[in-house]
Amino acid sequence: MTVSEQHCGLIAVVGAPNAGKSTLVNALVGQKVAIVSPKAQTTRARLMGIAIEGAAQLILVDTPGIFAPSRRLDRAMVAAAWEGADGADLIALVVDGKAGIGPKVEIILERLRDRPEPKLLILNKVDVADKPRLLAHAAKLNEKLAFADTFFVSAATGDGVAELKAALAARMPEGPWHFPEDQVSDATDRMLAAEVTREQLYLQLHAELPYASAVETEKYSEREDGSVEIHQQILVARPTQRAIVLGKGGTRLKEIGSRARAELAKLLGVKVHLYLHVKVNPGWEEDRSLYRDIGLEWVE
């Protein structure tokens, strides 16, 4: 394929928290590039997943869920979501097909109404949604906003994903690919390591540890044998939260580390030596350097 035959474009994937945006981006890329958990607002920073479909390279911007922000971290996440849509060739609104249209979706529709970019509607989770309700949601959403097309998918099972990917590729403008063919994300290995550990915190602690936690990769280095050594600190706001992460006799932290290590070894393709410790820092949400490390802009 010559450069003159290539197509490439930026697709902003937006939606309310827990709509399944990250799962959809992973499905379109064909492998894991974004962390996923049942917890809303898992994605914190904008992340690019890179997919290939024929002659087209799809640059998928997985954005944080859009919601009414209160804390500084919330405001930074919402700002990152809308910045992810700036300059996009296409905006894909992902809506939970089971939950339908609520206040959070209404807020997004209002913001999208005056944007000039073409917009697609993607109703996700069709495997668990009631079909008549699904069709009613689609009709109502299209009444509220002029979508160029509507797709019904299940990012979790893969239903409809191939058709969606082909349709996205067909809408990409002519132009050279921006990334090498084998690159699937713009995240550094250092950032990926922190995200994978944070995913395990969410998966294993569920509601026990709300959003008052972050993961910082302090050291990331390659050993002579080709393996990777990673040192991370898990930041929490209170001593009681530290106790939750540690678990009895440190068993919970060991399990978090074990699962994160296995996931990272699979993603990186090398043996991983992961060392975790938990630090109480009541003011971590006011640390400018941490925002930079996790890919967020500081907002007042």
C-alpha atoms as a PDB file:
ATOM      1  CA  MET A   1       0.000   0.000   0.000  1.00  0.00           C
ATOM      2  CA  THR A   2       1.379   3.433  -0.936  1.00  0.00           C
ATOM      3  CA  VAL A   3       1.035   6.502   1.266  1.00  0.00           C
ATOM      4  CA  SER A   4      -1.269   8.040  -1.339  1.00  0.00           C
ATOM      5  CA  GLU A   5      -3.741   5.191  -0.783  1.00  0.00           C
ATOM      6  CA  GLN A   6      -3.863   5.601   2.988  1.00  0.00           C
ATOM      7  CA  HIS A   7      -6.641   7.134   5.059  1.00  0.00           C
ATOM      8  CA  CYS A   8      -6.286   8.359   8.639  1.00  0.00           C
ATOM      9  CA  GLY A   9      -8.521  10.187  11.064  1.00  0.00           C
ATOM     10  CA  LEU A  10      -9.225  11.039  14.681  1.00  0.00           C
ATOM     11  CA  ILE A  11     -12.379   9.681  16.325  1.00  0.00           C
ATOM     12  CA  ALA A  12     -13.401  11.106  19.697  1.00  0.00           C
ATOM     13  CA  VAL A  13     -15.246   8.488  21.745  1.00  0.00           C
ATOM     14  CA  VAL A  14     -17.427  10.344  24.255  1.00  0.00           C
ATOM     15  CA  GLY A  15     -20.237   9.400  26.602  1.00  0.00           C
ATOM     16  CA  ALA A  16     -21.471   9.281  30.165  1.00  0.00           C
ATOM     17  CA  PRO A  17     -19.569   7.281  32.801  1.00  0.00           C
ATOM     18  CA  ASN A  18     -19.879   3.498  32.458  1.00  0.00           C
ATOM     19  CA  ALA A  19     -21.260   3.595  28.900  1.00  0.00           C
ATOM     20  CA  GLY A  20     -18.567   1.122  27.839  1.00  0.00           C
ATOM     21  CA  LYS A  21     -16.264   3.487  25.934  1.00  0.00           C
ATOM     22  CA  SER A  22     -13.008   1.830  26.998  1.00  0.00           C
ATOM     23  CA  THR A  23     -14.342  -1.664  26.290  1.00  0.00           C
ATOM     24  CA  LEU A  24     -15.392  -0.484  22.833  1.00  0.00           C
ATOM     25  CA  VAL A  25     -12.001   1.089  22.102  1.00  0.00           C
ATOM     26  CA  ASN A  26     -10.291  -2.155  23.150  1.00  0.00           C
ATOM     27  CA  ALA A  27     -12.643  -4.146  20.898  1.00  0.00           C
ATOM     28  CA  LEU A  28     -11.972  -1.887  17.906  1.00  0.00           C
ATOM     29  CA  VAL A  29      -8.192  -2.008  18.431  1.00  0.00           C
ATOM     30  CA  GLY A  30      -8.309  -5.768  18.886  1.00  0.00           C
ATOM     31  CA  GLN A  31      -6.408  -5.810  22.160  1.00  0.00           C
ATOM     32  CA  LYS A  32      -6.365  -4.107  25.531  1.00  0.00           C
ATOM     33  CA  VAL A  33      -5.191  -0.500  25.461  1.00  0.00           C
ATOM     34  CA  ALA A  34      -7.561   1.011  28.038  1.00  0.00           C
ATOM     35  CA  ILE A  35      -8.342  -0.277  31.516  1.00  0.00           C
ATOM     36  CA  VAL A  36     -11.866  -1.438  32.234  1.00  0.00           C
ATOM     37  CA  SER A  37     -13.882  -1.951  35.404  1.00  0.00           C
ATOM     38  CA  PRO A  38     -17.567  -1.936  36.344  1.00  0.00           C
ATOM     39  CA  LYS A  39     -16.861   1.250  38.305  1.00  0.00           C
ATOM     40  CA  ALA A  40     -17.943   4.482  36.640  1.00  0.00           C
ATOM     41  CA  GLN A  41     -15.245   7.053  35.747  1.00  0.00           C
ATOM     42  CA  THR A  42     -12.500   4.440  35.491  1.00  0.00           C
ATOM     43  CA  THR A  43     -10.832   6.338  32.632  1.00  0.00           C
ATOM     44  CA  ARG A  44      -9.154   9.488  33.953  1.00  0.00           C
ATOM     45  CA  ALA A  45      -7.102  10.880  31.055  1.00  0.00           C
ATOM     46  CA  ARG A  46      -7.620  10.900  27.304  1.00  0.00           C
ATOM     47  CA  LEU A  47      -5.900   7.946  25.703  1.00  0.00           C
ATOM     48  CA  MET A  48      -5.446   7.069  22.064  1.00  0.00           C
ATOM     49  CA  GLY A  49      -6.097   3.580  20.803  1.00  0.00           C
ATOM     50  CA  ILE A  50      -4.889   2.924  17.265  1.00  0.00           C
ATOM     51  CA  ALA A  51      -6.731   0.505  14.984  1.00  0.00           C
ATOM     52  CA  ILE A  52      -6.186  -0.558  11.376  1.00  0.00           C
ATOM     53  CA  GLU A  53      -9.022  -1.398   8.995  1.00  0.00           C
ATOM     54  CA  GLY A  54      -7.935  -1.946   5.397  1.00  0.00           C
ATOM     55  CA  ALA A  55      -6.197   1.207   4.174  1.00  0.00           C
ATOM     56  CA  ALA A  56      -7.477   3.268   7.107  1.00  0.00           C
ATOM     57  CA  GLN A  57      -5.822   4.005  10.433  1.00  0.00           C
ATOM     58  CA  LEU A  58      -8.349   4.893  13.132  1.00  0.00           C
ATOM     59  CA  ILE A  59      -7.026   7.038  15.968  1.00  0.00           C
ATOM     60  CA  LEU A  60      -9.557   6.455  18.736  1.00  0.00           C
ATOM     61  CA  VAL A  61      -9.501   8.917  21.603  1.00  0.00           C
ATOM     62  CA  ASP A  62     -10.911   7.164  24.659  1.00  0.00           C
ATOM     63  CA  THR A  63     -12.101  10.002  26.882  1.00  0.00           C
ATOM     64  CA  PRO A  64     -13.154  10.098  30.536  1.00  0.00           C
ATOM     65  CA  GLY A  65     -16.881   9.854  31.117  1.00  0.00           C
ATOM     66  CA  ILE A  66     -18.578  13.242  31.016  1.00  0.00           C
ATOM     67  CA  PHE A  67     -20.460  14.155  34.187  1.00  0.00           C
ATOM     68  CA  ALA A  68     -21.120  17.155  36.439  1.00  0.00           C
ATOM     69  CA  PRO A  69     -17.720  17.752  38.093  1.00  0.00           C
ATOM     70  CA  SER A  70     -17.255  18.811  41.698  1.00  0.00           C
ATOM     71  CA  ARG A  71     -13.659  18.110  42.803  1.00  0.00           C
ATOM     72  CA  ARG A  72     -10.528  19.331  41.009  1.00  0.00           C
ATOM     73  CA  LEU A  73      -9.838  15.826  39.734  1.00  0.00           C
ATOM     74  CA  ASP A  74     -13.393  15.625  38.355  1.00  0.00           C
ATOM     75  CA  ARG A  75     -12.982  18.978  36.581  1.00  0.00           C
ATOM     76  CA  ALA A  76      -9.688  17.868  35.060  1.00  0.00           C
ATOM     77  CA  MET A  77     -11.259  14.631  33.803  1.00  0.00           C
ATOM     78  CA  VAL A  78     -14.213  16.396  32.178  1.00  0.00           C
ATOM     79  CA  ALA A  79     -11.878  18.971  30.601  1.00  0.00           C
ATOM     80  CA  ALA A  80      -9.805  16.095  29.175  1.00  0.00           C
ATOM     81  CA  ALA A  81     -12.943  14.546  27.708  1.00  0.00           C
ATOM     82  CA  TRP A  82     -13.934  17.671  25.781  1.00  0.00           C
ATOM     83  CA  GLU A  83     -10.343  18.358  24.731  1.00  0.00           C
ATOM     84  CA  GLY A  84     -10.313  14.860  23.264  1.00  0.00           C
ATOM     85  CA  ALA A  85     -13.066  15.942  20.872  1.00  0.00           C
ATOM     86  CA  ASP A  86     -11.199  19.029  19.652  1.00  0.00           C
ATOM     87  CA  GLY A  87     -10.005  18.614  16.080  1.00  0.00           C
ATOM     88  CA  ALA A  88     -11.701  15.240  15.659  1.00  0.00           C
ATOM     89  CA  ASP A  89     -12.795  14.081  12.223  1.00  0.00           C
ATOM     90  CA  LEU A  90     -15.696  12.300  13.859  1.00  0.00           C
ATOM     91  CA  ILE A  91     -17.366  12.223  17.277  1.00  0.00           C
ATOM     92  CA  ALA A  92     -18.803   8.900  18.406  1.00  0.00           C
ATOM     93  CA  LEU A  93     -21.318   9.177  21.241  1.00  0.00           C
ATOM     94  CA  VAL A  94     -21.536   5.910  23.156  1.00  0.00           C
ATOM     95  CA  VAL A  95     -24.760   5.386  25.107  1.00  0.00           C
ATOM     96  CA  ASP A  96     -25.535   2.504  27.453  1.00  0.00           C
ATOM     97  CA  GLY A  97     -28.367   0.802  25.551  1.00  0.00           C
ATOM     98  CA  LYS A  98     -29.794  -0.664  28.729  1.00  0.00           C
ATOM     99  CA  ALA A  99     -29.728   2.517  30.830  1.00  0.00           C
ATOM    100  CA  GLY A 100     -30.868   4.757  28.000  1.00  0.00           C
ATOM    101  CA  ILE A 101     -31.151   8.548  28.191  1.00  0.00           C
ATOM    102  CA  GLY A 102     -30.605  10.170  31.550  1.00  0.00           C
ATOM    103  CA  PRO A 103     -29.470  13.594  32.781  1.00  0.00           C
ATOM    104  CA  LYS A 104     -25.800  12.809  32.062  1.00  0.00           C
ATOM    105  CA  VAL A 105     -26.547  11.942  28.437  1.00  0.00           C
ATOM    106  CA  GLU A 106     -28.720  15.045  28.110  1.00  0.00           C
ATOM    107  CA  ILE A 107     -25.777  17.237  29.206  1.00  0.00           C
ATOM    108  CA  ILE A 108     -23.572  15.699  26.516  1.00  0.00           C
ATOM    109  CA  LEU A 109     -26.230  16.104  23.813  1.00  0.00           C
ATOM    110  CA  GLU A 110     -26.499  19.794  24.690  1.00  0.00           C
ATOM    111  CA  ARG A 111     -22.740  20.289  24.370  1.00  0.00           C
ATOM    112  CA  LEU A 112     -22.595  18.345  21.101  1.00  0.00           C
ATOM    113  CA  ARG A 113     -25.448  20.248  19.488  1.00  0.00           C
ATOM    114  CA  ASP A 114     -23.302  23.197  18.363  1.00  0.00           C
ATOM    115  CA  ARG A 115     -20.177  21.252  17.457  1.00  0.00           C
ATOM    116  CA  PRO A 116     -19.421  21.104  13.714  1.00  0.00           C
ATOM    117  CA  GLU A 117     -17.919  17.597  13.609  1.00  0.00           C
ATOM    118  CA  PRO A 118     -19.962  14.716  12.107  1.00  0.00           C
ATOM    119  CA  LYS A 119     -21.466  12.616  14.894  1.00  0.00           C
ATOM    120  CA  LEU A 120     -22.281   8.925  15.132  1.00  0.00           C
ATOM    121  CA  LEU A 121     -24.525   7.333  17.736  1.00  0.00           C
ATOM    122  CA  ILE A 122     -23.396   4.005  19.174  1.00  0.00           C
ATOM    123  CA  LEU A 123     -25.840   2.172  21.418  1.00  0.00           C
ATOM    124  CA  ASN A 124     -23.749  -0.252  23.449  1.00  0.00           C
ATOM    125  CA  LYS A 125     -24.584  -3.295  25.618  1.00  0.00           C
ATOM    126  CA  VAL A 126     -27.229  -4.584  23.203  1.00  0.00           C
ATOM    127  CA  ASP A 127     -26.605  -8.084  24.577  1.00  0.00           C
ATOM    128  CA  VAL A 128     -28.290  -7.094  27.858  1.00  0.00           C
ATOM    129  CA  ALA A 129     -30.718  -4.427  26.603  1.00  0.00           C
ATOM    130  CA  ASP A 130     -34.399  -4.911  25.817  1.00  0.00           C
ATOM    131  CA  LYS A 131     -34.761  -4.566  22.023  1.00  0.00           C
ATOM    132  CA  PRO A 132     -37.968  -2.455  21.893  1.00  0.00           C
ATOM    133  CA  ARG A 133     -36.507  -0.054  24.489  1.00  0.00           C
ATOM    134  CA  LEU A 134     -33.249   0.025  22.530  1.00  0.00           C
ATOM    135  CA  LEU A 135     -35.028   1.096  19.356  1.00  0.00           C
ATOM    136  CA  ALA A 136     -37.009   3.700  21.309  1.00  0.00           C
ATOM    137  CA  HIS A 137     -33.767   5.119  22.768  1.00  0.00           C
ATOM    138  CA  ALA A 138     -32.259   5.322  19.271  1.00  0.00           C
ATOM    139  CA  ALA A 139     -35.293   7.132  17.875  1.00  0.00           C
ATOM    140  CA  LYS A 140     -35.417   9.623  20.748  1.00  0.00           C
ATOM    141  CA  LEU A 141     -31.680  10.354  20.572  1.00  0.00           C
ATOM    142  CA  ASN A 142     -31.871  10.962  16.834  1.00  0.00           C
ATOM    143  CA  GLU A 143     -34.750  13.371  17.414  1.00  0.00           C
ATOM    144  CA  LYS A 144     -32.585  15.342  19.829  1.00  0.00           C
ATOM    145  CA  LEU A 145     -29.457  15.448  17.648  1.00  0.00           C
ATOM    146  CA  ALA A 146     -28.790  14.926  13.940  1.00  0.00           C
ATOM    147  CA  PHE A 147     -26.535  11.859  13.985  1.00  0.00           C
ATOM    148  CA  ALA A 148     -25.004  10.830  10.670  1.00  0.00           C
ATOM    149  CA  ASP A 149     -25.622   7.173  11.498  1.00  0.00           C
ATOM    150  CA  THR A 150     -26.629   4.861  14.358  1.00  0.00           C
ATOM    151  CA  PHE A 151     -24.981   1.584  15.342  1.00  0.00           C
ATOM    152  CA  PHE A 152     -26.026  -1.138  17.777  1.00  0.00           C
ATOM    153  CA  VAL A 153     -23.117  -3.014  19.340  1.00  0.00           C
ATOM    154  CA  SER A 154     -21.989  -5.055  22.291  1.00  0.00           C
ATOM    155  CA  ALA A 155     -18.389  -4.132  22.997  1.00  0.00           C
ATOM    156  CA  ALA A 156     -18.234  -6.951  25.553  1.00  0.00           C
ATOM    157  CA  THR A 157     -19.289  -9.746  23.152  1.00  0.00           C
ATOM    158  CA  GLY A 158     -18.117  -8.179  19.882  1.00  0.00           C
ATOM    159  CA  ASP A 159     -21.565  -8.078  18.291  1.00  0.00           C
ATOM    160  CA  GLY A 160     -21.687  -5.347  15.646  1.00  0.00           C
ATOM    161  CA  VAL A 161     -18.098  -4.222  16.277  1.00  0.00           C
ATOM    162  CA  ALA A 162     -16.760  -5.358  12.884  1.00  0.00           C
ATOM    163  CA  GLU A 163     -19.537  -3.486  11.075  1.00  0.00           C
ATOM    164  CA  LEU A 164     -18.884  -0.376  13.147  1.00  0.00           C
ATOM    165  CA  LYS A 165     -15.143  -0.554  12.489  1.00  0.00           C
ATOM    166  CA  ALA A 166     -15.716  -0.820   8.726  1.00  0.00           C
ATOM    167  CA  ALA A 167     -18.082   2.160   8.829  1.00  0.00           C
ATOM    168  CA  LEU A 168     -15.585   4.252  10.789  1.00  0.00           C
ATOM    169  CA  ALA A 169     -12.832   3.375   8.307  1.00  0.00           C
ATOM    170  CA  ALA A 170     -15.023   4.393   5.370  1.00  0.00           C
ATOM    171  CA  ARG A 171     -15.415   7.866   6.906  1.00  0.00           C
ATOM    172  CA  MET A 172     -11.713   8.549   7.444  1.00  0.00           C
ATOM    173  CA  PRO A 173     -10.186  11.283   5.253  1.00  0.00           C
ATOM    174  CA  GLU A 174      -7.331  10.598   2.853  1.00  0.00           C
ATOM    175  CA  GLY A 175      -3.945  11.074   4.415  1.00  0.00           C
ATOM    176  CA  PRO A 176      -0.833   9.204   5.632  1.00  0.00           C
ATOM    177  CA  TRP A 177      -0.970   7.092   8.778  1.00  0.00           C
ATOM    178  CA  HIS A 178       0.222   8.938  11.871  1.00  0.00           C
ATOM    179  CA  PHE A 179       1.574   5.882  13.690  1.00  0.00           C
ATOM    180  CA  PRO A 180       3.519   2.721  12.759  1.00  0.00           C
ATOM    181  CA  GLU A 181       1.306  -0.209  11.795  1.00  0.00           C
ATOM    182  CA  ASP A 182       2.211  -2.210  14.899  1.00  0.00           C
ATOM    183  CA  GLN A 183       1.533   0.601  17.420  1.00  0.00           C
ATOM    184  CA  VAL A 184      -1.772   0.223  19.275  1.00  0.00           C
ATOM    185  CA  SER A 185      -1.669   3.111  21.772  1.00  0.00           C
ATOM    186  CA  ASP A 186       0.056   6.391  22.538  1.00  0.00           C
ATOM    187  CA  ALA A 187       0.461   5.442  26.211  1.00  0.00           C
ATOM    188  CA  THR A 188       4.021   4.872  27.427  1.00  0.00           C
ATOM    189  CA  ASP A 189       4.853   1.598  29.172  1.00  0.00           C
ATOM    190  CA  ARG A 190       5.305   3.602  32.363  1.00  0.00           C
ATOM    191  CA  MET A 191       1.765   5.011  32.102  1.00  0.00           C
ATOM    192  CA  LEU A 192       0.382   1.610  31.146  1.00  0.00           C
ATOM    193  CA  ALA A 193       1.934   0.056  34.248  1.00  0.00           C
ATOM    194  CA  ALA A 194       0.220   2.590  36.525  1.00  0.00           C
ATOM    195  CA  GLU A 195      -3.121   2.108  34.766  1.00  0.00           C
ATOM    196  CA  VAL A 196      -3.008  -1.688  35.069  1.00  0.00           C
ATOM    197  CA  THR A 197      -2.363  -1.501  38.817  1.00  0.00           C
ATOM    198  CA  ARG A 198      -5.165   1.049  39.198  1.00  0.00           C
ATOM    199  CA  GLU A 199      -7.485  -1.298  37.318  1.00  0.00           C
ATOM    200  CA  GLN A 200      -6.741  -4.043  39.841  1.00  0.00           C
ATOM    201  CA  LEU A 201      -7.497  -1.644  42.694  1.00  0.00           C
ATOM    202  CA  TYR A 202     -10.933  -1.046  41.208  1.00  0.00           C
ATOM    203  CA  LEU A 203     -11.616  -4.689  40.366  1.00  0.00           C
ATOM    204  CA  GLN A 204     -10.621  -6.024  43.762  1.00  0.00           C
ATOM    205  CA  LEU A 205     -11.759  -3.284  46.115  1.00  0.00           C
ATOM    206  CA  HIS A 206     -14.996  -2.251  44.384  1.00  0.00           C
ATOM    207  CA  ALA A 207     -16.910   0.226  46.578  1.00  0.00           C
ATOM    208  CA  GLU A 208     -14.517  -0.210  49.505  1.00  0.00           C
ATOM    209  CA  LEU A 209     -12.111   2.326  48.043  1.00  0.00           C
ATOM    210  CA  PRO A 210     -13.830   5.200  46.237  1.00  0.00           C
ATOM    211  CA  TYR A 211     -11.910   7.568  43.962  1.00  0.00           C
ATOM    212  CA  ALA A 212      -9.570   8.647  46.740  1.00  0.00           C
ATOM    213  CA  SER A 213      -6.659   6.713  45.250  1.00  0.00           C
ATOM    214  CA  ALA A 214      -4.044   7.032  42.537  1.00  0.00           C
ATOM    215  CA  VAL A 215      -1.073   4.994  41.315  1.00  0.00           C
ATOM    216  CA  GLU A 216       2.298   6.568  40.622  1.00  0.00           C
ATOM    217  CA  THR A 217       5.114   4.725  38.842  1.00  0.00           C
ATOM    218  CA  GLU A 218       8.266   5.827  40.676  1.00  0.00           C
ATOM    219  CA  LYS A 219      10.743   3.655  38.793  1.00  0.00           C
ATOM    220  CA  TYR A 220      10.571   1.737  35.505  1.00  0.00           C
ATOM    221  CA  SER A 221      13.736   0.061  34.270  1.00  0.00           C
ATOM    222  CA  GLU A 222      14.890  -2.875  32.172  1.00  0.00           C
ATOM    223  CA  ARG A 223      17.144  -5.505  33.696  1.00  0.00           C
ATOM    224  CA  GLU A 224      20.014  -7.109  31.806  1.00  0.00           C
ATOM    225  CA  ASP A 225      17.991 -10.286  31.263  1.00  0.00           C
ATOM    226  CA  GLY A 226      15.301  -8.306  29.391  1.00  0.00           C
ATOM    227  CA  SER A 227      12.786  -8.329  32.237  1.00  0.00           C
ATOM    228  CA  VAL A 228      11.274  -5.125  33.597  1.00  0.00           C
ATOM    229  CA  GLU A 229      11.464  -3.800  37.159  1.00  0.00           C
ATOM    230  CA  ILE A 230       8.628  -1.488  38.247  1.00  0.00           C
ATOM    231  CA  HIS A 231       8.237   0.327  41.558  1.00  0.00           C
ATOM    232  CA  GLN A 232       4.887   1.985  42.245  1.00  0.00           C
ATOM    233  CA  GLN A 233       3.219   3.766  45.110  1.00  0.00           C
ATOM    234  CA  ILE A 234      -0.513   3.661  45.665  1.00  0.00           C
ATOM    235  CA  LEU A 235      -1.667   6.990  47.040  1.00  0.00           C
ATOM    236  CA  VAL A 236      -4.660   7.139  49.381  1.00  0.00           C
ATOM    237  CA  ALA A 237      -6.090  10.001  51.413  1.00  0.00           C
ATOM    238  CA  ARG A 238      -6.532   8.366  54.851  1.00  0.00           C
ATOM    239  CA  PRO A 239      -4.912   5.672  57.038  1.00  0.00           C
ATOM    240  CA  THR A 240      -8.180   3.688  57.012  1.00  0.00           C
ATOM    241  CA  GLN A 241      -7.945   3.510  53.202  1.00  0.00           C
ATOM    242  CA  ARG A 242      -4.344   2.303  53.459  1.00  0.00           C
ATOM    243  CA  ALA A 243      -5.545  -0.516  55.695  1.00  0.00           C
ATOM    244  CA  ILE A 244      -8.182  -1.474  53.098  1.00  0.00           C
ATOM    245  CA  VAL A 245      -5.583  -1.666  50.312  1.00  0.00           C
ATOM    246  CA  LEU A 246      -3.140  -3.663  52.441  1.00  0.00           C
ATOM    247  CA  GLY A 247      -5.724  -6.153  53.691  1.00  0.00           C
ATOM    248  CA  LYS A 248      -5.113  -8.493  56.616  1.00  0.00           C
ATOM    249  CA  GLY A 249      -1.401  -9.189  56.855  1.00  0.00           C
ATOM    250  CA  GLY A 250      -0.862  -7.461  53.503  1.00  0.00           C
ATOM    251  CA  THR A 251      -2.781 -10.168  51.626  1.00  0.00           C
ATOM    252  CA  ARG A 252      -4.920  -7.757  49.564  1.00  0.00           C
ATOM    253  CA  LEU A 253      -1.910  -5.788  48.341  1.00  0.00           C
ATOM    254  CA  LYS A 254      -0.124  -9.035  47.408  1.00  0.00           C
ATOM    255  CA  GLU A 255      -3.131 -10.129  45.346  1.00  0.00           C
ATOM    256  CA  ILE A 256      -3.361  -6.734  43.624  1.00  0.00           C
ATOM    257  CA  GLY A 257       0.354  -6.948  42.803  1.00  0.00           C
ATOM    258  CA  SER A 258       0.129 -10.542  41.606  1.00  0.00           C
ATOM    259  CA  ARG A 259      -2.711  -9.861  39.188  1.00  0.00           C
ATOM    260  CA  ALA A 260      -1.237  -6.586  37.946  1.00  0.00           C
ATOM    261  CA  ARG A 261       2.121  -8.308  37.390  1.00  0.00           C
ATOM    262  CA  ALA A 262       0.513 -11.096  35.345  1.00  0.00           C
ATOM    263  CA  GLU A 263      -1.476  -8.592  33.243  1.00  0.00           C
ATOM    264  CA  LEU A 264       1.596  -6.454  32.593  1.00  0.00           C
ATOM    265  CA  ALA A 265       3.700  -9.469  31.619  1.00  0.00           C
ATOM    266  CA  LYS A 266       1.034 -10.385  29.066  1.00  0.00           C
ATOM    267  CA  LEU A 267       0.799  -6.839  27.685  1.00  0.00           C
ATOM    268  CA  LEU A 268       4.542  -6.129  27.626  1.00  0.00           C
ATOM    269  CA  GLY A 269       5.622  -9.596  26.543  1.00  0.00           C
ATOM    270  CA  VAL A 270       8.394  -9.822  29.167  1.00  0.00           C
ATOM    271  CA  LYS A 271       8.814 -10.957  32.762  1.00  0.00           C
ATOM    272  CA  VAL A 272       7.785  -8.214  35.196  1.00  0.00           C
ATOM    273  CA  HIS A 273       9.078  -7.561  38.713  1.00  0.00           C
ATOM    274  CA  LEU A 274       6.471  -5.330  40.364  1.00  0.00           C
ATOM    275  CA  TYR A 275       6.960  -3.727  43.775  1.00  0.00           C
ATOM    276  CA  LEU A 276       4.029  -1.898  45.391  1.00  0.00           C
ATOM    277  CA  HIS A 277       3.738   0.171  48.521  1.00  0.00           C
ATOM    278  CA  VAL A 278       0.865   2.233  49.888  1.00  0.00           C
ATOM    279  CA  LYS A 279       1.343   5.832  50.981  1.00  0.00           C
ATOM    280  CA  VAL A 280      -1.106   8.085  52.843  1.00  0.00           C
ATOM    281  CA  ASN A 281      -1.135  11.529  51.251  1.00  0.00           C
ATOM    282  CA  PRO A 282      -4.270  13.532  52.155  1.00  0.00           C
ATOM    283  CA  GLY A 283      -3.430  16.168  49.550  1.00  0.00           C
ATOM    284  CA  TRP A 284      -2.591  13.984  46.549  1.00  0.00           C
ATOM    285  CA  GLU A 285      -5.453  15.500  44.518  1.00  0.00           C
ATOM    286  CA  GLU A 286      -3.719  18.891  44.840  1.00  0.00           C
ATOM    287  CA  ASP A 287      -0.342  17.639  43.555  1.00  0.00           C
ATOM    288  CA  ARG A 288       0.322  19.257  40.157  1.00  0.00           C
ATOM    289  CA  SER A 289       3.080  16.789  39.254  1.00  0.00           C
ATOM    290  CA  LEU A 290       0.741  13.823  39.747  1.00  0.00           C
ATOM    291  CA  TYR A 291      -1.772  15.310  37.298  1.00  0.00           C
ATOM    292  CA  ARG A 292       1.023  15.561  34.738  1.00  0.00           C
ATOM    293  CA  ASP A 293       2.054  11.961  35.343  1.00  0.00           C
ATOM    294  CA  ILE A 294      -1.458  10.622  34.774  1.00  0.00           C
ATOM    295  CA  GLY A 295      -1.978  12.766  31.668  1.00  0.00           C
ATOM    296  CA  LEU A 296      -4.337  15.430  33.009  1.00  0.00           C
ATOM    297  CA  GLU A 297      -4.131  19.206  32.846  1.00  0.00           C
ATOM    298  CA  TRP A 298      -4.264  21.169  36.090  1.00  0.00           C
ATOM    299  CA  VAL A 299      -7.547  23.108  36.278  1.00  0.00           C
ATOM    300  CA  GLU A 300      -8.468  25.805  38.744  1.00  0.00           C
END
